[in-house]
Amino acid sequence: MPEDPTKTPTLFGRQKSKKLSPRQQNLVDTLLPSLKLSPGEPFDPTASWYKTNPLWLEIGFGGGEHLSAMAAKHPDVTFIGCEPFLNGIAKMLVAIKEQNLNNVHLYDHDARHILKWLPPASLDRVYILYPDPWPKKRHRKRRFVTSQSLDLLAKVMKPGADLLIASDIGDYIRTSLLALQQSPNFSWQPKSAQDWRTPPTGWPGTRYEQKAIREGRTPTYLKIKRI
């Protein structure tokens, strides 16, 4: 029997803060079950959402600003959004309902469960935007971008697929680049400083990005190829 990917690893950090509004709670109860992926069950390669469209993944979508904007802009793409924070899930459900988005699936726990569940060479693009920086030295092992997670990503990304990482924390970018340099599966080849200072064309941004800029921190954008 195949390993259940939801048994590991341990997820760190809080999963809920303030109480959900009645509308948000109703959407969590009624809409989320129809959109939620189930990596504890065997993967169904005949599922229509998997077979027909390009597949993009956003890991840790926060309040869903980037995910909802991209899903609206690219109706021909199927999106998977992973976010363990219930309040973020609730905000994304409101966006899905208000914008009538029918190309988004969600997972409300650790994204590595999804990476272990998807078939090889499934993903055409992956976003990791402003992940939790875990600034304390003793907590850095909790950061998402590590050699182990890059191995998981390499398995499920198609050759030539894009991996986009954004952060306003210089040390996070530094440790991410160190992990990427040690991986034979990814290539980062900027032509100039503008490559990492400028977001991709059509970038909708996130609330975390706006906060960072307001507080004087400069975002860095890593545009990486799966090779």
Foldseek 3Di string as FASTA:
>chain_A
DDDQLVVDDDADDDQEDDDDDPQLVVCVVPVQVVQEDDLRDADDCPDPLQPQAAEEEEEACALCQQVLVVLLVCVRYAYEYEHQHSNSVSNNSVSCVVSVRDRYHYYNDHCLSVLVRAAFQRHQEYEYEAPDCLPDPVCNVNDCQALVNVVSVLRRHHAFHKYKYKHLDPVSVVRNVVSQVPDPFKDFDDPDQCVFQPDDPPGRDDPVQVVCVVVPGGMTMTIMGGD
